[in-house]
Amino acid sequence: MAPVFYPREVVKQALTHNAAAVIFAHNHPSGIAELSQADHNITQRLKSALELVDIRVLDHIVVGDGETVSFAETGRL
């Protein structure tokens, strides 16, 4: 089951910190750092929500066992 998250809470936190941009990161409990379709969907939802208040998403980094994968570096952002 995918974790529950609420874009409005992310937007609220970004506004609280007066952020102009954000970088997301999360770990994959499997230890495999690869970008899943669920990761892509969540990133797009967050990006859309933050665009409404002029906050840019600079990157979303997935962390595995000793390695990371970046949405920005792979051209998916």
PDB file of N, CA and C in Angstrom:
ATOM      1  N   MET A   1       0.841  -1.186   0.000  1.00  0.00           N
ATOM      2  CA  MET A   1       0.000   0.000   0.000  1.00  0.00           C
ATOM      3  C   MET A   1       0.884   1.247   0.000  1.00  0.00           C
ATOM      4  N   ALA A   2       0.550   2.198  -0.856  1.00  0.00           N
ATOM      5  CA  ALA A   2       1.320   3.446  -0.944  1.00  0.00           C
ATOM      6  C   ALA A   2       1.050   4.326   0.277  1.00  0.00           C
ATOM      7  N   PRO A   3       2.062   5.055   0.714  1.00  0.00           N
ATOM      8  CA  PRO A   3       1.857   5.951   1.858  1.00  0.00           C
ATOM      9  C   PRO A   3       0.868   7.054   1.513  1.00  0.00           C
ATOM     10  N   VAL A   4       0.158   7.512   2.517  1.00  0.00           N
ATOM     11  CA  VAL A   4      -0.804   8.583   2.324  1.00  0.00           C
ATOM     12  C   VAL A   4      -0.093   9.915   2.489  1.00  0.00           C
ATOM     13  N   PHE A   5      -0.336  10.823   1.569  1.00  0.00           N
ATOM     14  CA  PHE A   5       0.215  12.167   1.691  1.00  0.00           C
ATOM     15  C   PHE A   5      -0.829  13.138   1.173  1.00  0.00           C
ATOM     16  N   TYR A   6      -0.721  14.357   1.623  1.00  0.00           N
ATOM     17  CA  TYR A   6      -1.679  15.379   1.235  1.00  0.00           C
ATOM     18  C   TYR A   6      -0.937  16.577   0.654  1.00  0.00           C
ATOM     19  N   PRO A   7      -1.098  16.827  -0.652  1.00  0.00           N
ATOM     20  CA  PRO A   7      -0.414  17.970  -1.263  1.00  0.00           C
ATOM     21  C   PRO A   7      -0.683  19.273  -0.529  1.00  0.00           C
ATOM     22  N   ARG A   8      -1.880  19.452   0.022  1.00  0.00           N
ATOM     23  CA  ARG A   8      -2.186  20.709   0.724  1.00  0.00           C
ATOM     24  C   ARG A   8      -1.271  20.906   1.924  1.00  0.00           C
ATOM     25  N   GLU A   9      -0.874  19.812   2.584  1.00  0.00           N
ATOM     26  CA  GLU A   9       0.038  19.914   3.723  1.00  0.00           C
ATOM     27  C   GLU A   9       1.442  20.304   3.264  1.00  0.00           C
ATOM     28  N   VAL A  10       1.851  19.797   2.117  1.00  0.00           N
ATOM     29  CA  VAL A  10       3.150  20.162   1.562  1.00  0.00           C
ATOM     30  C   VAL A  10       3.149  21.641   1.189  1.00  0.00           C
ATOM     31  N   VAL A  11       2.080  22.082   0.530  1.00  0.00           N
ATOM     32  CA  VAL A  11       1.959  23.493   0.151  1.00  0.00           C
ATOM     33  C   VAL A  11       1.962  24.368   1.400  1.00  0.00           C
ATOM     34  N   LYS A  12       1.215  23.952   2.411  1.00  0.00           N
ATOM     35  CA  LYS A  12       1.144  24.717   3.658  1.00  0.00           C
ATOM     36  C   LYS A  12       2.525  24.868   4.296  1.00  0.00           C
ATOM     37  N   GLN A  13       3.294  23.798   4.343  1.00  0.00           N
ATOM     38  CA  GLN A  13       4.640  23.858   4.919  1.00  0.00           C
ATOM     39  C   GLN A  13       5.561  24.752   4.095  1.00  0.00           C
ATOM     40  N   ALA A  14       5.476  24.645   2.787  1.00  0.00           N
ATOM     41  CA  ALA A  14       6.314  25.479   1.919  1.00  0.00           C
ATOM     42  C   ALA A  14       5.989  26.950   2.122  1.00  0.00           C
ATOM     43  N   LEU A  15       4.708  27.275   2.235  1.00  0.00           N
ATOM     44  CA  LEU A  15       4.307  28.663   2.459  1.00  0.00           C
ATOM     45  C   LEU A  15       4.735  29.152   3.844  1.00  0.00           C
ATOM     46  N   THR A  16       4.653  28.275   4.827  1.00  0.00           N
ATOM     47  CA  THR A  16       5.081  28.623   6.185  1.00  0.00           C
ATOM     48  C   THR A  16       6.544  29.047   6.211  1.00  0.00           C
ATOM     49  N   HIS A  17       7.345  28.388   5.380  1.00  0.00           N
ATOM     50  CA  HIS A  17       8.780  28.680   5.321  1.00  0.00           C
ATOM     51  C   HIS A  17       9.117  29.719   4.250  1.00  0.00           C
ATOM     52  N   ASN A  18       8.082  30.278   3.640  1.00  0.00           N
ATOM     53  CA  ASN A  18       8.264  31.291   2.600  1.00  0.00           C
ATOM     54  C   ASN A  18       9.185  30.787   1.480  1.00  0.00           C
ATOM     55  N   ALA A  19       9.014  29.523   1.114  1.00  0.00           N
ATOM     56  CA  ALA A  19       9.875  28.889   0.115  1.00  0.00           C
ATOM     57  C   ALA A  19       9.566  29.384  -1.287  1.00  0.00           C
ATOM     58  N   ALA A  20      10.601  29.584  -2.068  1.00  0.00           N
ATOM     59  CA  ALA A  20      10.457  29.890  -3.485  1.00  0.00           C
ATOM     60  C   ALA A  20      10.578  28.607  -4.303  1.00  0.00           C
ATOM     61  N   ALA A  21      11.214  27.594  -3.705  1.00  0.00           N
ATOM     62  CA  ALA A  21      11.425  26.314  -4.375  1.00  0.00           C
ATOM     63  C   ALA A  21      11.604  25.227  -3.323  1.00  0.00           C
ATOM     64  N   VAL A  22      11.391  23.973  -3.736  1.00  0.00           N
ATOM     65  CA  VAL A  22      11.539  22.834  -2.827  1.00  0.00           C
ATOM     66  C   VAL A  22      12.269  21.694  -3.537  1.00  0.00           C
ATOM     67  N   ILE A  23      12.845  20.823  -2.737  1.00  0.00           N
ATOM     68  CA  ILE A  23      13.433  19.570  -3.203  1.00  0.00           C
ATOM     69  C   ILE A  23      12.847  18.474  -2.329  1.00  0.00           C
ATOM     70  N   PHE A  24      12.298  17.454  -2.962  1.00  0.00           N
ATOM     71  CA  PHE A  24      11.732  16.323  -2.230  1.00  0.00           C
ATOM     72  C   PHE A  24      12.733  15.181  -2.199  1.00  0.00           C
ATOM     73  N   ALA A  25      12.669  14.383  -1.167  1.00  0.00           N
ATOM     74  CA  ALA A  25      13.493  13.170  -1.077  1.00  0.00           C
ATOM     75  C   ALA A  25      12.733  12.155  -0.242  1.00  0.00           C
ATOM     76  N   HIS A  26      12.863  10.906  -0.620  1.00  0.00           N
ATOM     77  CA  HIS A  26      12.301   9.825   0.190  1.00  0.00           C
ATOM     78  C   HIS A  26      13.076   8.548  -0.087  1.00  0.00           C
ATOM     79  N   ASN A  27      12.978   7.633   0.859  1.00  0.00           N
ATOM     80  CA  ASN A  27      13.683   6.368   0.698  1.00  0.00           C
ATOM     81  C   ASN A  27      12.742   5.288   0.187  1.00  0.00           C
ATOM     82  N   HIS A  28      13.311   4.320  -0.482  1.00  0.00           N
ATOM     83  CA  HIS A  28      12.582   3.117  -0.865  1.00  0.00           C
ATOM     84  C   HIS A  28      12.969   2.024   0.123  1.00  0.00           C
ATOM     85  N   PRO A  29      12.019   1.557   0.912  1.00  0.00           N
ATOM     86  CA  PRO A  29      12.331   0.525   1.912  1.00  0.00           C
ATOM     87  C   PRO A  29      12.952  -0.734   1.314  1.00  0.00           C
ATOM     88  N   SER A  30      12.687  -0.989   0.026  1.00  0.00           N
ATOM     89  CA  SER A  30      13.272  -2.160  -0.638  1.00  0.00           C
ATOM     90  C   SER A  30      14.781  -2.026  -0.766  1.00  0.00           C
ATOM     91  N   GLY A  31      15.274  -0.775  -0.663  1.00  0.00           N
ATOM     92  CA  GLY A  31      16.701  -0.532  -0.833  1.00  0.00           C
ATOM     93  C   GLY A  31      17.106  -0.289  -2.269  1.00  0.00           C
ATOM     94  N   ILE A  32      16.146  -0.400  -3.190  1.00  0.00           N
ATOM     95  CA  ILE A  32      16.435  -0.209  -4.608  1.00  0.00           C
ATOM     96  C   ILE A  32      16.063   1.215  -4.994  1.00  0.00           C
ATOM     97  N   ALA A  33      17.061   1.972  -5.408  1.00  0.00           N
ATOM     98  CA  ALA A  33      16.830   3.369  -5.799  1.00  0.00           C
ATOM     99  C   ALA A  33      16.481   3.423  -7.278  1.00  0.00           C
ATOM    100  N   GLU A  34      15.194   3.321  -7.564  1.00  0.00           N
ATOM    101  CA  GLU A  34      14.728   3.478  -8.938  1.00  0.00           C
ATOM    102  C   GLU A  34      13.423   4.250  -8.901  1.00  0.00           C
ATOM    103  N   LEU A  35      13.153   4.995  -9.959  1.00  0.00           N
ATOM    104  CA  LEU A  35      11.975   5.839 -10.015  1.00  0.00           C
ATOM    105  C   LEU A  35      10.776   5.021 -10.475  1.00  0.00           C
ATOM    106  N   SER A  36       9.779   4.922  -9.613  1.00  0.00           N
ATOM    107  CA  SER A  36       8.580   4.158  -9.943  1.00  0.00           C
ATOM    108  C   SER A  36       7.513   5.059 -10.545  1.00  0.00           C
ATOM    109  N   GLN A  37       6.491   4.442 -11.094  1.00  0.00           N
ATOM    110  CA  GLN A  37       5.359   5.207 -11.616  1.00  0.00           C
ATOM    111  C   GLN A  37       4.676   5.958 -10.482  1.00  0.00           C
ATOM    112  N   ALA A  38       4.599   5.357  -9.313  1.00  0.00           N
ATOM    113  CA  ALA A  38       4.000   6.033  -8.153  1.00  0.00           C
ATOM    114  C   ALA A  38       4.808   7.269  -7.781  1.00  0.00           C
ATOM    115  N   ASP A  39       6.135   7.169  -7.834  1.00  0.00           N
ATOM    116  CA  ASP A  39       6.992   8.334  -7.555  1.00  0.00           C
ATOM    117  C   ASP A  39       6.710   9.446  -8.563  1.00  0.00           C
ATOM    118  N   HIS A  40       6.584   9.078  -9.817  1.00  0.00           N
ATOM    119  CA  HIS A  40       6.305  10.057 -10.864  1.00  0.00           C
ATOM    120  C   HIS A  40       4.946  10.731 -10.619  1.00  0.00           C
ATOM    121  N   ASN A  41       3.931   9.929 -10.297  1.00  0.00           N
ATOM    122  CA  ASN A  41       2.591  10.469 -10.059  1.00  0.00           C
ATOM    123  C   ASN A  41       2.574  11.440  -8.881  1.00  0.00           C
ATOM    124  N   ILE A  42       3.229  11.064  -7.807  1.00  0.00           N
ATOM    125  CA  ILE A  42       3.277  11.927  -6.620  1.00  0.00           C
ATOM    126  C   ILE A  42       4.011  13.222  -6.941  1.00  0.00           C
ATOM    127  N   THR A  43       5.118  13.111  -7.647  1.00  0.00           N
ATOM    128  CA  THR A  43       5.897  14.301  -8.004  1.00  0.00           C
ATOM    129  C   THR A  43       5.058  15.250  -8.852  1.00  0.00           C
ATOM    130  N   GLN A  44       4.326  14.723  -9.818  1.00  0.00           N
ATOM    131  CA  GLN A  44       3.497  15.568 -10.676  1.00  0.00           C
ATOM    132  C   GLN A  44       2.367  16.227  -9.878  1.00  0.00           C
ATOM    133  N   ARG A  45       1.763  15.495  -8.948  1.00  0.00           N
ATOM    134  CA  ARG A  45       0.697  16.085  -8.122  1.00  0.00           C
ATOM    135  C   ARG A  45       1.236  17.216  -7.265  1.00  0.00           C
ATOM    136  N   LEU A  46       2.394  16.978  -6.654  1.00  0.00           N
ATOM    137  CA  LEU A  46       2.994  18.015  -5.815  1.00  0.00           C
ATOM    138  C   LEU A  46       3.419  19.220  -6.649  1.00  0.00           C
ATOM    139  N   LYS A  47       4.003  18.957  -7.793  1.00  0.00           N
ATOM    140  CA  LYS A  47       4.441  20.043  -8.672  1.00  0.00           C
ATOM    141  C   LYS A  47       3.249  20.902  -9.097  1.00  0.00           C
ATOM    142  N   SER A  48       2.149  20.267  -9.471  1.00  0.00           N
ATOM    143  CA  SER A  48       0.942  20.997  -9.874  1.00  0.00           C
ATOM    144  C   SER A  48       0.380  21.832  -8.734  1.00  0.00           C
ATOM    145  N   ALA A  49       0.336  21.262  -7.544  1.00  0.00           N
ATOM    146  CA  ALA A  49      -0.186  21.993  -6.383  1.00  0.00           C
ATOM    147  C   ALA A  49       0.690  23.191  -6.049  1.00  0.00           C
ATOM    148  N   LEU A  50       1.993  23.004  -6.097  1.00  0.00           N
ATOM    149  CA  LEU A  50       2.912  24.090  -5.750  1.00  0.00           C
ATOM    150  C   LEU A  50       2.956  25.173  -6.825  1.00  0.00           C
ATOM    151  N   GLU A  51       2.739  24.816  -8.072  1.00  0.00           N
ATOM    152  CA  GLU A  51       2.710  25.812  -9.144  1.00  0.00           C
ATOM    153  C   GLU A  51       1.612  26.843  -8.914  1.00  0.00           C
ATOM    154  N   LEU A  52       0.535  26.436  -8.259  1.00  0.00           N
ATOM    155  CA  LEU A  52      -0.580  27.351  -7.994  1.00  0.00           C
ATOM    156  C   LEU A  52      -0.171  28.518  -7.100  1.00  0.00           C
ATOM    157  N   VAL A  53       0.873  28.316  -6.313  1.00  0.00           N
ATOM    158  CA  VAL A  53       1.353  29.376  -5.407  1.00  0.00           C
ATOM    159  C   VAL A  53       2.780  29.798  -5.768  1.00  0.00           C
ATOM    160  N   ASP A  54       3.158  29.567  -7.016  1.00  0.00           N
ATOM    161  CA  ASP A  54       4.454  30.004  -7.557  1.00  0.00           C
ATOM    162  C   ASP A  54       5.661  29.461  -6.799  1.00  0.00           C
ATOM    163  N   ILE A  55       5.603  28.193  -6.409  1.00  0.00           N
ATOM    164  CA  ILE A  55       6.745  27.530  -5.777  1.00  0.00           C
ATOM    165  C   ILE A  55       7.229  26.447  -6.739  1.00  0.00           C
ATOM    166  N   ARG A  56       8.522  26.492  -7.066  1.00  0.00           N
ATOM    167  CA  ARG A  56       9.111  25.543  -8.007  1.00  0.00           C
ATOM    168  C   ARG A  56       9.576  24.273  -7.305  1.00  0.00           C
ATOM    169  N   VAL A  57       9.466  23.154  -8.004  1.00  0.00           N
ATOM    170  CA  VAL A  57      10.038  21.888  -7.543  1.00  0.00           C
ATOM    171  C   VAL A  57      11.351  21.716  -8.297  1.00  0.00           C
ATOM    172  N   LEU A  58      12.463  21.764  -7.575  1.00  0.00           N
ATOM    173  CA  LEU A  58      13.786  21.659  -8.190  1.00  0.00           C
ATOM    174  C   LEU A  58      14.203  20.221  -8.439  1.00  0.00           C
ATOM    175  N   ASP A  59      13.801  19.322  -7.538  1.00  0.00           N
ATOM    176  CA  ASP A  59      14.198  17.921  -7.687  1.00  0.00           C
ATOM    177  C   ASP A  59      13.380  17.047  -6.754  1.00  0.00           C
ATOM    178  N   HIS A  60      13.365  15.775  -7.056  1.00  0.00           N
ATOM    179  CA  HIS A  60      12.818  14.736  -6.183  1.00  0.00           C
ATOM    180  C   HIS A  60      13.844  13.611  -6.230  1.00  0.00           C
ATOM    181  N   ILE A  61      14.397  13.295  -5.080  1.00  0.00           N
ATOM    182  CA  ILE A  61      15.482  12.314  -4.997  1.00  0.00           C
ATOM    183  C   ILE A  61      14.972  11.061  -4.290  1.00  0.00           C
ATOM    184  N   VAL A  62      15.203   9.917  -4.922  1.00  0.00           N
ATOM    185  CA  VAL A  62      14.839   8.631  -4.340  1.00  0.00           C
ATOM    186  C   VAL A  62      16.111   7.992  -3.801  1.00  0.00           C
ATOM    187  N   VAL A  63      16.050   7.563  -2.552  1.00  0.00           N
ATOM    188  CA  VAL A  63      17.216   7.019  -1.856  1.00  0.00           C
ATOM    189  C   VAL A  63      17.046   5.515  -1.664  1.00  0.00           C
ATOM    190  N   GLY A  64      18.091   4.770  -2.011  1.00  0.00           N
ATOM    191  CA  GLY A  64      18.121   3.328  -1.773  1.00  0.00           C
ATOM    192  C   GLY A  64      19.304   3.007  -0.894  1.00  0.00           C
ATOM    193  N   ASP A  65      19.711   1.766  -0.881  1.00  0.00           N
ATOM    194  CA  ASP A  65      20.877   1.350  -0.098  1.00  0.00           C
ATOM    195  C   ASP A  65      22.154   1.865  -0.758  1.00  0.00           C
ATOM    196  N   GLY A  66      22.656   2.992  -0.264  1.00  0.00           N
ATOM    197  CA  GLY A  66      23.921   3.522  -0.752  1.00  0.00           C
ATOM    198  C   GLY A  66      23.874   4.186  -2.113  1.00  0.00           C
ATOM    199  N   GLU A  67      22.689   4.422  -2.653  1.00  0.00           N
ATOM    200  CA  GLU A  67      22.603   5.097  -3.942  1.00  0.00           C
ATOM    201  C   GLU A  67      21.365   5.983  -3.989  1.00  0.00           C
ATOM    202  N   THR A  68      21.390   6.939  -4.890  1.00  0.00           N
ATOM    203  CA  THR A  68      20.251   7.844  -5.078  1.00  0.00           C
ATOM    204  C   THR A  68      19.977   8.005  -6.567  1.00  0.00           C
ATOM    205  N   VAL A  69      18.732   8.367  -6.867  1.00  0.00           N
ATOM    206  CA  VAL A  69      18.337   8.679  -8.232  1.00  0.00           C
ATOM    207  C   VAL A  69      17.577  10.000  -8.179  1.00  0.00           C
ATOM    208  N   SER A  70      17.907  10.898  -9.089  1.00  0.00           N
ATOM    209  CA  SER A  70      17.337  12.217  -9.124  1.00  0.00           C
ATOM    210  C   SER A  70      16.403  12.388 -10.319  1.00  0.00           C
ATOM    211  N   PHE A  71      15.201  12.904 -10.057  1.00  0.00           N
ATOM    212  CA  PHE A  71      14.286  13.205 -11.157  1.00  0.00           C
ATOM    213  C   PHE A  71      14.905  14.250 -12.091  1.00  0.00           C
ATOM    214  N   ALA A  72      15.528  15.263 -11.524  1.00  0.00           N
ATOM    215  CA  ALA A  72      16.114  16.332 -12.345  1.00  0.00           C
ATOM    216  C   ALA A  72      17.242  15.778 -13.221  1.00  0.00           C
ATOM    217  N   GLU A  73      18.131  14.981 -12.648  1.00  0.00           N
ATOM    218  CA  GLU A  73      19.268  14.455 -13.411  1.00  0.00           C
ATOM    219  C   GLU A  73      18.849  13.502 -14.512  1.00  0.00           C
ATOM    220  N   THR A  74      17.717  12.821 -14.324  1.00  0.00           N
ATOM    221  CA  THR A  74      17.247  11.881 -15.352  1.00  0.00           C
ATOM    222  C   THR A  74      16.295  12.540 -16.344  1.00  0.00           C
ATOM    223  N   GLY A  75      16.078  13.856 -16.188  1.00  0.00           N
ATOM    224  CA  GLY A  75      15.231  14.587 -17.114  1.00  0.00           C
ATOM    225  C   GLY A  75      13.739  14.350 -16.936  1.00  0.00           C
ATOM    226  N   ARG A  76      13.338  13.850 -15.796  1.00  0.00           N
ATOM    227  CA  ARG A  76      11.919  13.562 -15.569  1.00  0.00           C
ATOM    228  C   ARG A  76      11.183  14.645 -14.789  1.00  0.00           C
ATOM    229  N   LEU A  77      11.855  15.776 -14.606  1.00  0.00           N
ATOM    230  CA  LEU A  77      11.211  16.847 -13.860  1.00  0.00           C
ATOM    231  C   LEU A  77      11.087  18.075 -14.725  1.00  0.00           C
TER     232      LEU A  77
END
